[in-house]
Protein backbone atom coordinates (compact mmCIF):
# COMPACT_ATOMS: atom_id res chain seq x y z
CA MET A 1 121.93 69.63 166.08
CA THR A 2 119.94 72.08 164.01
CA ILE A 3 121.44 74.46 161.50
CA ARG A 4 119.46 77.74 160.98
CA LEU A 5 119.76 80.00 158.08
CA TYR A 6 118.07 83.28 156.99
CA ASP A 7 115.73 82.78 154.16
CA THR A 8 115.40 85.80 151.82
CA ARG A 9 112.06 85.08 150.61
CA ALA A 10 110.82 84.34 154.07
CA GLN A 11 112.71 87.01 155.76
CA VAL A 12 113.18 85.04 158.74
CA LEU A 13 115.60 82.52 160.19
CA LYS A 14 114.34 79.15 159.36
CA ASP A 15 115.68 75.71 160.65
CA PHE A 16 117.29 73.92 157.71
CA VAL A 17 115.59 70.72 156.82
CA PRO A 18 117.06 69.07 153.69
CA LEU A 19 114.85 67.56 151.16
CA VAL A 20 116.94 64.30 151.37
CA PRO A 21 118.00 63.29 154.69
CA GLU A 22 121.95 63.83 155.27
CA GLN A 23 122.12 65.54 151.73
CA VAL A 24 122.28 69.11 150.65
CA GLY A 25 122.14 70.40 147.22
CA ILE A 26 123.21 74.01 146.78
CA TYR A 27 123.25 76.12 143.57
CA VAL A 28 125.37 79.26 143.66
CA CYS A 29 125.19 81.83 140.71
CA GLY A 30 128.93 82.02 139.61
CA PRO A 31 130.54 84.71 137.46
CA THR A 32 129.66 86.18 134.19
CA VAL A 33 133.24 85.93 132.67
CA GLN A 34 133.11 89.19 130.86
CA SER A 35 136.21 90.69 133.09
CA SER A 36 138.59 90.12 135.61
CA PRO A 37 137.29 89.15 139.10
CA HIS A 38 137.19 91.67 141.91
CA ILE A 39 137.00 91.23 145.71
CA GLY A 40 133.31 91.02 145.65
CA HIS A 41 133.51 87.94 143.70
CA LEU A 42 136.17 86.31 146.10
CA ARG A 43 133.75 87.17 148.98
CA SER A 44 130.65 85.50 147.51
CA ALA A 45 132.62 82.35 146.52
CA LEU A 46 134.19 82.21 150.01
CA VAL A 47 130.75 82.43 151.63
CA TYR A 48 129.55 79.23 150.04
CA ASP A 49 132.71 77.64 150.69
CA LEU A 50 132.15 78.20 154.12
CA TRP A 51 128.75 76.93 154.21
CA ARG A 52 129.79 73.72 152.31
CA ARG A 53 132.45 73.14 154.97
CA TRP A 54 130.07 73.50 157.91
CA PHE A 55 127.43 71.27 156.42
CA THR A 56 130.00 68.61 155.68
CA TYR A 57 131.26 68.98 159.30
CA ARG A 58 127.72 68.52 160.42
CA GLY A 59 127.71 65.20 158.42
CA LEU A 60 125.76 66.13 155.42
CA SER A 61 126.84 65.11 151.92
CA VAL A 62 127.02 68.30 149.98
CA THR A 63 126.52 68.82 146.14
CA LEU A 64 127.55 72.32 145.51
CA VAL A 65 126.90 73.61 141.94
CA ARG A 66 128.43 77.02 140.85
CA ASN A 67 128.00 77.82 137.36
CA VAL A 68 129.83 79.93 134.70
CA THR A 69 127.76 82.23 132.51
CA ASP A 70 129.88 82.19 129.14
CA ILE A 71 127.24 83.68 127.08
CA ASP A 72 126.02 87.28 127.86
CA ASP A 73 125.53 90.45 126.24
CA LYS A 74 128.37 92.10 128.33
CA ILE A 75 130.84 89.35 127.05
CA LEU A 76 129.79 90.02 123.36
CA THR A 77 130.20 93.84 123.70
CA ASN A 78 133.68 93.60 125.37
CA ALA A 79 134.69 91.06 122.71
CA ALA A 80 133.42 93.23 119.97
CA ASN A 81 135.55 96.11 121.36
CA SER A 82 138.65 93.81 121.06
CA THR A 83 140.38 91.73 118.57
CA GLU A 84 139.41 88.46 120.71
CA GLU A 85 136.75 86.15 119.78
CA TRP A 86 133.83 86.32 122.36
CA TRP A 87 134.41 82.41 123.54
CA ALA A 88 138.24 83.15 123.85
CA LEU A 89 137.54 86.10 126.02
CA ALA A 90 135.16 84.29 128.09
CA TYR A 91 137.57 81.32 128.76
CA ARG A 92 140.38 83.67 129.48
CA TYR A 93 138.38 85.41 132.37
CA GLU A 94 137.18 82.03 133.42
CA LEU A 95 140.67 80.77 134.19
CA GLU A 96 141.45 83.96 136.10
CA PHE A 97 138.37 83.30 138.30
CA THR A 98 139.62 79.75 138.84
CA ASP A 99 143.02 80.91 139.77
CA SER A 100 141.74 83.49 142.19
CA TYR A 101 139.53 80.81 143.92
CA ARG A 102 142.36 78.36 144.16
CA ARG A 103 144.56 81.04 145.83
CA LEU A 104 141.99 81.71 148.41
CA GLY A 105 141.56 78.02 149.29
CA ILE A 106 138.18 77.67 148.03
CA ALA A 107 137.45 74.09 147.01
CA ALA A 108 136.21 73.40 143.50
CA PRO A 109 132.52 72.83 143.26
CA THR A 110 131.05 69.53 142.71
CA TYR A 111 129.88 70.63 139.15
CA GLU A 112 130.75 73.89 137.44
CA PRO A 113 128.57 73.95 134.33
CA ARG A 114 129.12 76.43 131.50
CA ALA A 115 125.90 78.01 130.20
CA THR A 116 126.60 77.17 126.65
CA ALA A 117 126.44 73.38 127.24
CA SER A 118 122.82 73.57 128.60
CA VAL A 119 121.01 75.39 125.79
CA THR A 120 118.99 72.52 125.07
CA GLU A 121 117.53 72.37 128.51
CA MET A 122 117.04 76.09 128.40
CA GLN A 123 114.94 75.81 125.30
CA ALA A 124 112.95 72.94 126.93
CA ILE A 125 111.84 75.28 129.90
CA ILE A 126 111.02 77.88 127.43
CA ALA A 127 108.88 75.64 125.44
CA ARG A 128 107.01 74.51 128.59
CA LEU A 129 106.46 78.12 129.59
CA ILE A 130 104.74 79.11 126.34
CA GLU A 131 102.67 75.94 126.60
CA ARG A 132 101.36 76.86 129.87
CA GLY A 133 100.71 80.58 129.08
CA HIS A 134 103.41 82.16 130.86
CA ALA A 135 105.67 83.05 127.77
CA TYR A 136 105.25 84.57 124.38
CA ALA A 137 107.28 84.94 121.28
CA ALA A 138 107.50 88.62 120.00
CA THR A 139 105.49 89.52 117.08
CA ASP A 140 107.74 92.02 115.57
CA GLY A 141 110.08 89.19 113.86
CA SER A 142 112.91 89.83 116.24
CA GLY A 143 112.99 85.99 117.44
CA ASP A 144 112.77 87.41 120.84
CA VAL A 145 110.77 85.28 123.58
CA TYR A 146 109.58 86.84 126.78
CA PHE A 147 108.34 85.78 130.16
CA ASP A 148 104.76 87.27 130.71
CA THR A 149 105.24 88.83 134.37
CA GLY A 150 101.47 89.62 134.53
CA SER A 151 100.53 86.02 134.20
CA TRP A 152 102.55 84.89 137.34
CA PRO A 153 100.66 86.33 140.44
CA SER A 154 103.73 85.43 142.71
CA TYR A 155 106.05 87.52 140.53
CA GLY A 156 108.08 89.77 143.18
CA GLU A 157 107.83 87.39 146.14
CA LEU A 158 111.46 87.13 146.42
CA SER A 159 112.38 90.72 146.31
CA HIS A 160 109.02 91.63 147.92
CA GLN A 161 107.87 94.07 145.43
CA LYS A 162 104.69 94.81 143.49
CA LEU A 163 104.67 94.31 139.94
CA THR A 164 103.64 97.94 139.26
CA ASP A 165 106.51 99.26 141.33
CA MET A 166 109.22 97.46 139.52
CA VAL A 167 111.54 99.07 136.92
CA ALA A 168 111.26 97.82 133.30
CA ALA A 169 113.41 94.98 132.23
CA THR A 170 116.33 96.37 129.83
CA ASP A 171 117.65 92.97 128.65
CA ALA A 172 115.86 93.26 125.14
CA ASP A 173 114.09 95.71 122.67
CA PRO A 174 110.88 96.98 124.43
CA ARG A 175 109.05 97.17 121.36
CA GLY A 176 108.15 93.48 121.24
CA LYS A 177 107.10 93.26 124.88
CA ARG A 178 103.56 93.12 126.25
CA ALA A 179 104.53 94.89 129.38
CA PRO A 180 107.78 96.75 130.43
CA GLN A 181 108.67 94.28 133.26
CA ASP A 182 108.71 91.29 130.99
CA PHE A 183 112.09 89.76 130.52
CA ALA A 184 113.94 87.95 127.71
CA LEU A 185 114.03 84.12 127.78
CA TRP A 186 115.52 83.83 124.20
CA LYS A 187 117.11 86.76 122.24
CA GLY A 188 116.89 86.60 118.32
CA THR A 189 120.15 86.91 116.52
CA LYS A 190 121.13 90.41 115.70
CA PRO A 191 122.89 91.30 112.51
CA ASP A 192 126.13 92.77 114.36
CA GLU A 193 126.48 89.59 116.54
CA PRO A 194 128.85 86.79 115.52
CA ALA A 195 127.34 83.46 114.11
CA SER A 196 129.03 81.42 116.70
CA ALA A 197 126.90 83.07 119.38
CA SER A 198 123.94 81.85 117.97
CA TRP A 199 121.77 78.53 118.41
CA ALA A 200 119.03 77.15 116.33
CA SER A 201 115.48 77.21 117.99
CA PRO A 202 111.75 76.95 117.34
CA TRP A 203 111.59 80.68 117.50
CA GLY A 204 114.52 81.60 115.27
CA ALA A 205 118.22 81.55 115.68
CA GLY A 206 119.47 83.25 118.89
CA ARG A 207 120.90 82.82 122.39
CA PRO A 208 119.40 82.41 125.83
CA GLY A 209 118.65 85.32 127.99
CA TRP A 210 120.61 85.57 131.37
CA HIS A 211 118.05 84.31 133.82
CA ILE A 212 116.99 81.31 132.00
CA GLU A 213 120.58 79.92 131.93
CA CYS A 214 120.51 79.50 135.72
CA SER A 215 117.11 77.74 135.83
CA ALA A 216 118.27 75.43 133.28
CA MET A 217 121.58 74.46 134.99
CA SER A 218 120.22 74.26 138.63
CA SER A 219 117.46 71.84 137.38
CA ARG A 220 120.05 69.71 135.36
CA TYR A 221 122.40 69.10 137.89
CA LEU A 222 120.15 69.27 141.22
CA GLY A 223 116.67 68.35 140.01
CA ALA A 224 113.56 70.07 139.77
CA GLY A 225 113.47 70.89 143.50
CA PHE A 226 116.66 71.46 145.53
CA ASP A 227 117.69 72.79 148.98
CA ILE A 228 119.52 76.15 148.70
CA HIS A 229 119.93 78.65 146.11
CA GLY A 230 122.71 81.24 146.83
CA GLY A 231 124.43 84.37 145.42
CA GLY A 232 125.48 88.03 146.15
CA LEU A 233 122.76 90.32 147.25
CA ASP A 234 123.01 92.36 144.05
CA LEU A 235 121.59 89.39 142.32
CA ARG A 236 118.28 88.99 144.29
CA PHE A 237 116.46 91.55 141.67
CA PRO A 238 116.21 91.02 139.03
CA HIS A 239 117.99 87.81 138.42
CA HIS A 240 116.94 85.55 141.23
CA GLU A 241 113.56 86.95 141.04
CA ASN A 242 113.26 86.05 137.47
CA GLU A 243 114.87 82.76 137.92
CA LEU A 244 112.34 81.80 140.77
CA ALA A 245 109.43 83.03 138.54
CA GLN A 246 110.45 81.17 135.35
CA SER A 247 111.13 77.91 137.05
CA THR A 248 108.19 77.70 139.21
CA ALA A 249 105.77 78.75 136.48
CA ALA A 250 107.30 76.08 134.35
CA GLY A 251 106.14 73.67 137.04
CA ASP A 252 109.44 73.18 139.12
CA ALA A 253 109.50 73.28 142.82
CA PHE A 254 113.03 74.84 142.59
CA ALA A 255 114.73 76.27 145.63
CA SER A 256 113.58 75.51 149.30
CA TYR A 257 115.84 78.34 150.79
CA TRP A 258 117.39 81.59 149.32
CA VAL A 259 120.46 82.69 150.85
CA HIS A 260 122.33 85.82 149.80
CA ASN A 261 125.84 87.19 150.92
CA GLY A 262 126.46 90.95 151.53
CA LEU A 263 128.67 93.10 149.16
CA VAL A 264 132.06 94.59 149.42
CA ASN A 265 132.44 98.46 149.67
CA VAL A 266 135.52 100.41 149.38
CA ASN A 267 136.15 103.37 151.88
CA GLY A 268 132.35 103.50 152.29
CA GLN A 269 131.38 103.42 148.62
CA LYS A 270 130.10 100.72 146.66
CA MET A 271 132.73 99.43 144.16
CA SER A 272 132.12 100.65 140.59
CA LYS A 273 133.87 101.31 137.22
CA SER A 274 132.65 104.99 137.26
CA LEU A 275 134.30 105.65 140.71
CA GLY A 276 137.39 103.81 139.84
CA ASN A 277 137.61 102.09 142.99
CA SER A 278 137.26 98.54 142.11
CA ILE A 279 140.08 96.23 143.56
CA PHE A 280 140.60 93.10 141.35
CA ALA A 281 141.21 89.93 142.91
CA SER A 282 144.72 89.54 141.74
CA GLU A 283 145.79 92.58 143.10
CA PHE A 284 144.06 91.96 146.30
CA LEU A 285 145.65 88.63 146.67
CA ASP A 286 149.03 90.33 146.10
CA MET A 287 148.43 92.73 149.23
CA ALA A 288 148.91 90.00 151.65
CA ARG A 289 149.32 86.28 151.99
CA PRO A 290 146.13 84.59 150.55
CA LEU A 291 145.47 82.97 154.04
CA VAL A 292 145.35 86.61 155.43
CA VAL A 293 142.90 87.69 152.53
CA ARG A 294 140.81 84.44 153.34
CA TYR A 295 140.74 85.41 157.27
CA TYR A 296 139.77 89.05 156.39
CA LEU A 297 136.99 88.18 153.78
CA GLY A 298 135.61 85.45 155.90
CA ALA A 299 135.58 87.12 159.16
CA ALA A 300 132.48 89.25 159.00
CA HIS A 301 129.01 87.88 159.12
CA TYR A 302 128.45 86.63 155.50
CA ARG A 303 124.98 88.74 155.21
CA SER A 304 126.90 91.95 156.27
CA ILE A 305 128.60 94.49 153.85
CA ILE A 306 132.27 94.51 154.11
CA ASP A 307 133.90 97.81 153.97
CA TYR A 308 137.41 97.46 153.05
CA HIS A 309 139.89 100.35 154.09
CA ASP A 310 143.61 100.92 154.39
CA GLY A 311 144.83 98.91 157.07
CA ALA A 312 142.19 96.19 157.11
CA LEU A 313 144.68 93.50 155.90
CA ILE A 314 147.34 94.40 158.56
CA GLU A 315 144.46 93.79 161.41
CA ALA A 316 143.72 90.54 159.71
CA GLU A 317 147.40 89.77 159.67
CA ALA A 318 147.73 90.53 163.27
CA ALA A 319 144.71 88.26 164.17
CA LEU A 320 145.83 85.51 162.31
CA ASP A 321 149.35 85.72 163.73
CA ARG A 322 148.08 85.32 167.23
CA ILE A 323 146.57 81.97 166.07
CA GLU A 324 149.66 80.91 164.18
CA THR A 325 152.04 81.82 166.94
CA PHE A 326 150.29 79.76 169.39
CA MET A 327 149.83 76.92 167.18
CA THR A 328 153.68 76.95 166.45
CA ARG A 329 154.40 77.54 170.01
CA ALA A 330 152.41 74.64 171.35
CA ASN A 331 153.99 72.27 168.80
CA ARG A 332 157.28 73.38 169.84
CA ARG A 333 156.78 72.94 173.44
CA LEU A 334 154.96 69.67 173.15
CA ASP A 335 157.39 68.09 170.92
CA GLY A 336 159.31 65.39 172.59
CA THR A 337 156.72 65.15 175.53
CA ARG A 338 154.04 62.58 176.22
CA PHE A 339 151.66 65.10 174.99
CA ALA A 340 153.11 65.42 171.38
CA GLY A 341 150.45 63.49 169.84
CA SER A 342 147.67 64.35 172.10
CA GLY A 343 144.71 66.75 171.82
CA ALA A 344 142.11 65.46 169.54
CA PRO A 345 140.78 67.77 166.89
CA VAL A 346 137.26 68.59 168.75
CA ILE A 347 135.21 71.70 167.83
CA PRO A 348 134.08 73.26 171.15
CA SER A 349 130.30 73.56 171.50
CA GLU A 350 130.34 77.38 171.71
CA PHE A 351 132.05 77.36 168.29
CA ALA A 352 129.46 74.64 166.93
CA GLU A 353 126.45 76.74 168.41
CA ALA A 354 127.68 79.98 166.40
CA MET A 355 128.21 78.27 163.17
CA ASP A 356 124.91 76.60 163.41
CA ASP A 357 123.24 79.94 163.96
CA ASP A 358 123.17 81.11 160.42
CA LEU A 359 126.85 80.70 160.04
CA ALA A 360 127.78 83.30 162.76
CA VAL A 361 131.58 83.45 161.88
CA PRO A 362 132.31 86.48 163.97
CA GLN A 363 131.05 84.66 167.02
CA ALA A 364 132.68 81.50 166.08
CA LEU A 365 136.06 83.43 165.65
CA ALA A 366 135.66 84.96 169.02
CA VAL A 367 135.53 81.40 170.51
CA LEU A 368 138.61 80.59 168.64
CA HIS A 369 140.56 83.60 169.81
CA ASP A 370 139.53 82.91 173.36
CA ARG A 371 141.00 79.31 173.21
CA VAL A 372 144.07 80.75 171.80
CA ARG A 373 144.45 82.90 174.72
CA ALA A 374 143.75 80.38 177.11
CA GLY A 375 146.45 78.04 175.13
CA ASN A 376 148.89 80.70 175.56
CA ALA A 377 148.18 80.97 179.42
CA ALA A 378 148.45 77.13 179.71
CA LEU A 379 151.84 77.15 178.00
CA ASP A 380 153.16 79.90 180.31
CA GLY A 381 151.91 77.99 183.34
CA GLU A 382 153.55 74.77 181.79
CA ASP A 383 150.10 73.26 181.84
CA LEU A 384 151.06 70.84 178.95
CA ALA A 385 147.96 68.60 179.09
CA ALA A 386 145.62 71.60 178.77
CA ALA A 387 147.79 73.11 176.08
CA ALA A 388 147.55 69.96 174.13
CA GLU A 389 143.83 69.82 174.55
CA ILE A 390 143.46 73.41 173.43
CA ARG A 391 145.70 72.87 170.30
CA GLY A 392 143.55 70.22 169.18
CA GLU A 393 140.42 72.52 169.47
CA VAL A 394 142.35 75.29 167.73
CA THR A 395 143.20 72.99 164.84
CA ALA A 396 139.72 71.68 164.35
CA MET A 397 138.18 75.17 164.31
CA THR A 398 140.80 76.57 161.92
CA GLU A 399 140.49 73.49 159.73
CA VAL A 400 136.79 73.92 159.39
CA LEU A 401 137.10 77.65 158.50
CA GLY A 402 139.94 76.75 156.25
CA ILE A 403 142.50 79.14 158.03
CA ASN A 404 144.87 76.26 159.50
CA PRO A 405 148.13 77.74 158.74
CA HIS A 406 149.65 74.51 159.01
CA SER A 407 147.55 72.68 156.54
CA PRO A 408 149.41 71.59 153.43
CA GLU A 409 147.30 73.99 151.15
CA TRP A 410 148.95 77.00 152.97
CA ARG A 411 152.48 75.47 153.71
CA VAL A 412 154.03 76.85 150.16
CA SER A 413 155.94 79.97 151.05
CA THR A 414 154.62 83.25 149.71
CA THR A 415 156.71 85.37 151.98
CA ALA A 416 157.92 88.75 150.39
CA PRO A 417 161.53 89.51 149.70
CA THR A 418 161.34 92.19 152.59
CA ASP A 419 159.95 89.68 155.09
CA ARG A 420 162.67 87.22 153.92
CA ALA A 421 165.22 89.74 154.65
CA LEU A 422 164.00 90.82 157.96
CA GLY A 423 163.63 87.07 159.06
CA ALA A 424 167.43 86.61 158.11
CA LEU A 425 168.43 89.63 160.15
CA ILE A 426 166.68 88.70 163.18
CA ASP A 427 168.03 84.85 162.93
CA ARG A 428 171.51 86.62 162.83
CA LEU A 429 170.83 88.59 165.93
CA VAL A 430 169.40 85.57 167.72
CA GLU A 431 172.59 83.48 166.81
CA ASP A 432 174.76 86.40 168.18
CA ARG A 433 172.82 86.27 171.31
CA GLU A 434 173.36 82.33 171.44
CA THR A 435 177.08 83.03 171.04
CA ALA A 436 177.03 85.56 173.61
CA ARG A 437 175.47 83.30 176.14
CA SER A 438 177.80 80.54 175.36
CA ASN A 439 180.58 82.86 176.07
CA ARG A 440 179.15 83.86 179.31
CA ASP A 441 178.82 87.54 178.10
CA PHE A 442 175.32 87.89 179.52
CA ALA A 443 175.44 91.78 179.31
CA ALA A 444 175.72 91.46 175.44
CA ALA A 445 173.03 88.66 175.32
CA ASP A 446 170.72 90.89 177.35
CA ARG A 447 171.46 93.96 175.22
CA ILE A 448 170.50 92.11 172.09
CA ARG A 449 167.32 90.61 173.66
CA ASP A 450 166.26 94.13 174.82
CA GLU A 451 166.84 95.60 171.11
CA LEU A 452 164.77 92.94 169.68
CA ALA A 453 161.90 93.46 172.26
CA ALA A 454 162.01 97.30 171.49
CA ALA A 455 161.37 96.30 167.87
CA GLY A 456 158.36 94.12 168.72
CA ILE A 457 160.13 90.81 168.53
CA THR A 458 159.82 88.40 171.44
CA VAL A 459 162.60 85.90 172.01
CA GLU A 460 161.58 82.78 173.77
CA ASP A 461 164.10 80.15 175.09
CA SER A 462 162.95 76.70 175.51
CA PRO A 463 164.32 73.03 175.78
CA THR A 464 164.35 72.91 172.15
CA GLY A 465 166.26 76.01 171.41
CA THR A 466 165.57 79.65 171.08
CA HIS A 467 162.83 80.90 169.01
CA TRP A 468 161.39 84.35 168.05
CA SER A 469 158.01 85.80 167.08
CA ILE A 470 156.75 89.29 166.09
CA GLU A 471 154.30 90.66 168.34
CA SER A 472 150.91 91.37 167.01
């Protein structure tokens, strides 16, 4: 068994070899809690939840660190335009992120540090960079400290850019810089900023720059060298490029592999406030069952762009319904037979091969749906032994993807009122049909069955009673 992943820095698929056998350390850039989460945030968190699940299935012990950036320019700006303290605003949005992740079935990370709790570690890295000649304090009295990009020949290796081709860093006043591309490690306190957003330092009171935060938190919780650094593709430059430069310039090995997930577009356009096409997580999770949303966001390859369009969740619902209908049908038919408890939860080799190949979920889902079709055929042919075996495989595959509709986390009813009303009407018609059959009024029974079939509702008679399902 060899797991392969696409390393952004090397730009090739590479065999994953952990630094410590049977263990994997993953650092994922979490949210900057300046505003409510959108569907892009959900997609990114889900990608690394899937990586974590697959590594765990393959027998590795996973330490997943996903940070919270709770001090940042945008947080202070948004708070200044409200009546809320910056730390209260940050915490309120952090809770929104946590709730959205929970609703999507994303497991909590091993550690979820906040940037404000690691300022001491950030200052230590900055001091090492100054000592090594890779950082300097501004001479304009601002209290700013910058990374000297010209002092580090490897700068640009992640995004594969030349220093002379890069845009200027815009995270601080350019007057204190030696070069436009130099980026802020420490930002001196400004007169209009709250005193609570300032920490004492050797260079003057201030707060950390964005990039140094992740370098400090990753090394604090995973060590100077760790396995995988992940995040959205939009973070590759400048955020991840700057993380890599400052950490390695400070003497840390940092990440062995860099993994980036693709973004989410809406109707062919990138989400943006200016276009007014952002879809917030809470809104998206109310459009369908959260399980359907998880299926939809996880179905594409993690490195691809997802282009959301009207009807996309309907397609995902139909695909998930096919899986759920088979599992329900198999459980019902096998109940009370010698096959009721049989069918070990075994992952098919074709599914495993797809997941090992850079987490190829689309190919893995193809295997899953193929097994569902085979399972339905086995049930139709009364081959209960084969149906039980396939039920076990389907259960195992859906569990590792986090989309098993029979798992306890998804058992809480989130059925919409209209769906409950429709179900009640169908149940009543099924009962009327049963009454007609009991009275040997087979014409009426057939008429009800035909009316249900015309509406796309399948009625199945079995030894355990009559059951219905909506055709996908």
